């Protein structure tokens, strides 16, 4: 293990925060996927 430790003890991630992060990640993939499809359609 490295010698670096957080200044304060880290709190566990709550379920609602975990769901919010999952939704944000899903939105990122959806938006970027749509953008790639739109851009490829513009090339044709």
C-alpha atoms as a PDB file:
ATOM      1  CA  UNK A   1       0.000   0.000   0.000  1.00  0.00           C
ATOM      2  CA  UNK A   2       1.114   3.561  -0.583  1.00  0.00           C
ATOM      3  CA  UNK A   3       1.814   5.859   2.332  1.00  0.00           C
ATOM      4  CA  UNK A   4      -0.819   8.374   1.216  1.00  0.00           C
ATOM      5  CA  UNK A   5      -3.898   8.537   3.441  1.00  0.00           C
ATOM      6  CA  UNK A   6      -6.939  10.829   3.255  1.00  0.00           C
ATOM      7  CA  UNK A   7      -7.007  13.679   5.744  1.00  0.00           C
ATOM      8  CA  UNK A   8     -10.505  12.724   6.860  1.00  0.00           C
ATOM      9  CA  UNK A   9     -12.086   9.284   6.936  1.00  0.00           C
ATOM     10  CA  UNK A  10     -14.039   8.674   3.750  1.00  0.00           C
ATOM     11  CA  UNK A  11     -17.766   8.072   4.101  1.00  0.00           C
ATOM     12  CA  UNK A  12     -19.361   5.150   2.264  1.00  0.00           C
ATOM     13  CA  UNK A  13     -21.359   6.018  -0.844  1.00  0.00           C
ATOM     14  CA  UNK A  14     -25.102   6.085  -0.186  1.00  0.00           C
ATOM     15  CA  UNK A  15     -27.480   4.160  -2.436  1.00  0.00           C
ATOM     16  CA  UNK A  16     -29.090   7.347  -3.775  1.00  0.00           C
ATOM     17  CA  UNK A  17     -25.664   8.749  -4.686  1.00  0.00           C
ATOM     18  CA  UNK A  18     -24.742   5.473  -6.379  1.00  0.00           C
ATOM     19  CA  UNK A  19     -27.958   5.609  -8.432  1.00  0.00           C
ATOM     20  CA  UNK A  20     -27.295   9.246  -9.364  1.00  0.00           C
ATOM     21  CA  UNK A  21     -23.795   8.369 -10.593  1.00  0.00           C
ATOM     22  CA  UNK A  22     -25.160   5.425 -12.585  1.00  0.00           C
ATOM     23  CA  UNK A  23     -27.801   7.661 -14.200  1.00  0.00           C
ATOM     24  CA  UNK A  24     -25.193  10.294 -15.059  1.00  0.00           C
ATOM     25  CA  UNK A  25     -22.912   7.676 -16.624  1.00  0.00           C
ATOM     26  CA  UNK A  26     -25.827   6.287 -18.630  1.00  0.00           C
ATOM     27  CA  UNK A  27     -26.696   9.804 -19.827  1.00  0.00           C
ATOM     28  CA  UNK A  28     -23.094  10.404 -20.913  1.00  0.00           C
ATOM     29  CA  UNK A  29     -23.050   7.217 -22.982  1.00  0.00           C
ATOM     30  CA  UNK A  30     -26.469   7.965 -24.493  1.00  0.00           C
ATOM     31  CA  UNK A  31     -25.600  11.551 -25.464  1.00  0.00           C
ATOM     32  CA  UNK A  32     -22.201  10.676 -26.903  1.00  0.00           C
ATOM     33  CA  UNK A  33     -23.557   7.612 -28.682  1.00  0.00           C
ATOM     34  CA  UNK A  34     -26.275   9.724 -30.277  1.00  0.00           C
ATOM     35  CA  UNK A  35     -23.677  12.322 -31.264  1.00  0.00           C
ATOM     36  CA  UNK A  36     -21.512   9.699 -32.975  1.00  0.00           C
ATOM     37  CA  UNK A  37     -24.527   8.326 -34.855  1.00  0.00           C
ATOM     38  CA  UNK A  38     -25.608  11.832 -35.901  1.00  0.00           C
ATOM     39  CA  UNK A  39     -22.103  12.732 -37.081  1.00  0.00           C
ATOM     40  CA  UNK A  40     -21.731   9.511 -39.053  1.00  0.00           C
ATOM     41  CA  UNK A  41     -25.110  10.142 -40.706  1.00  0.00           C
ATOM     42  CA  UNK A  42     -23.890  13.601 -41.761  1.00  0.00           C
ATOM     43  CA  UNK A  43     -20.968  12.001 -43.593  1.00  0.00           C
ATOM     44  CA  UNK A  44     -23.221   9.822 -45.738  1.00  0.00           C
END
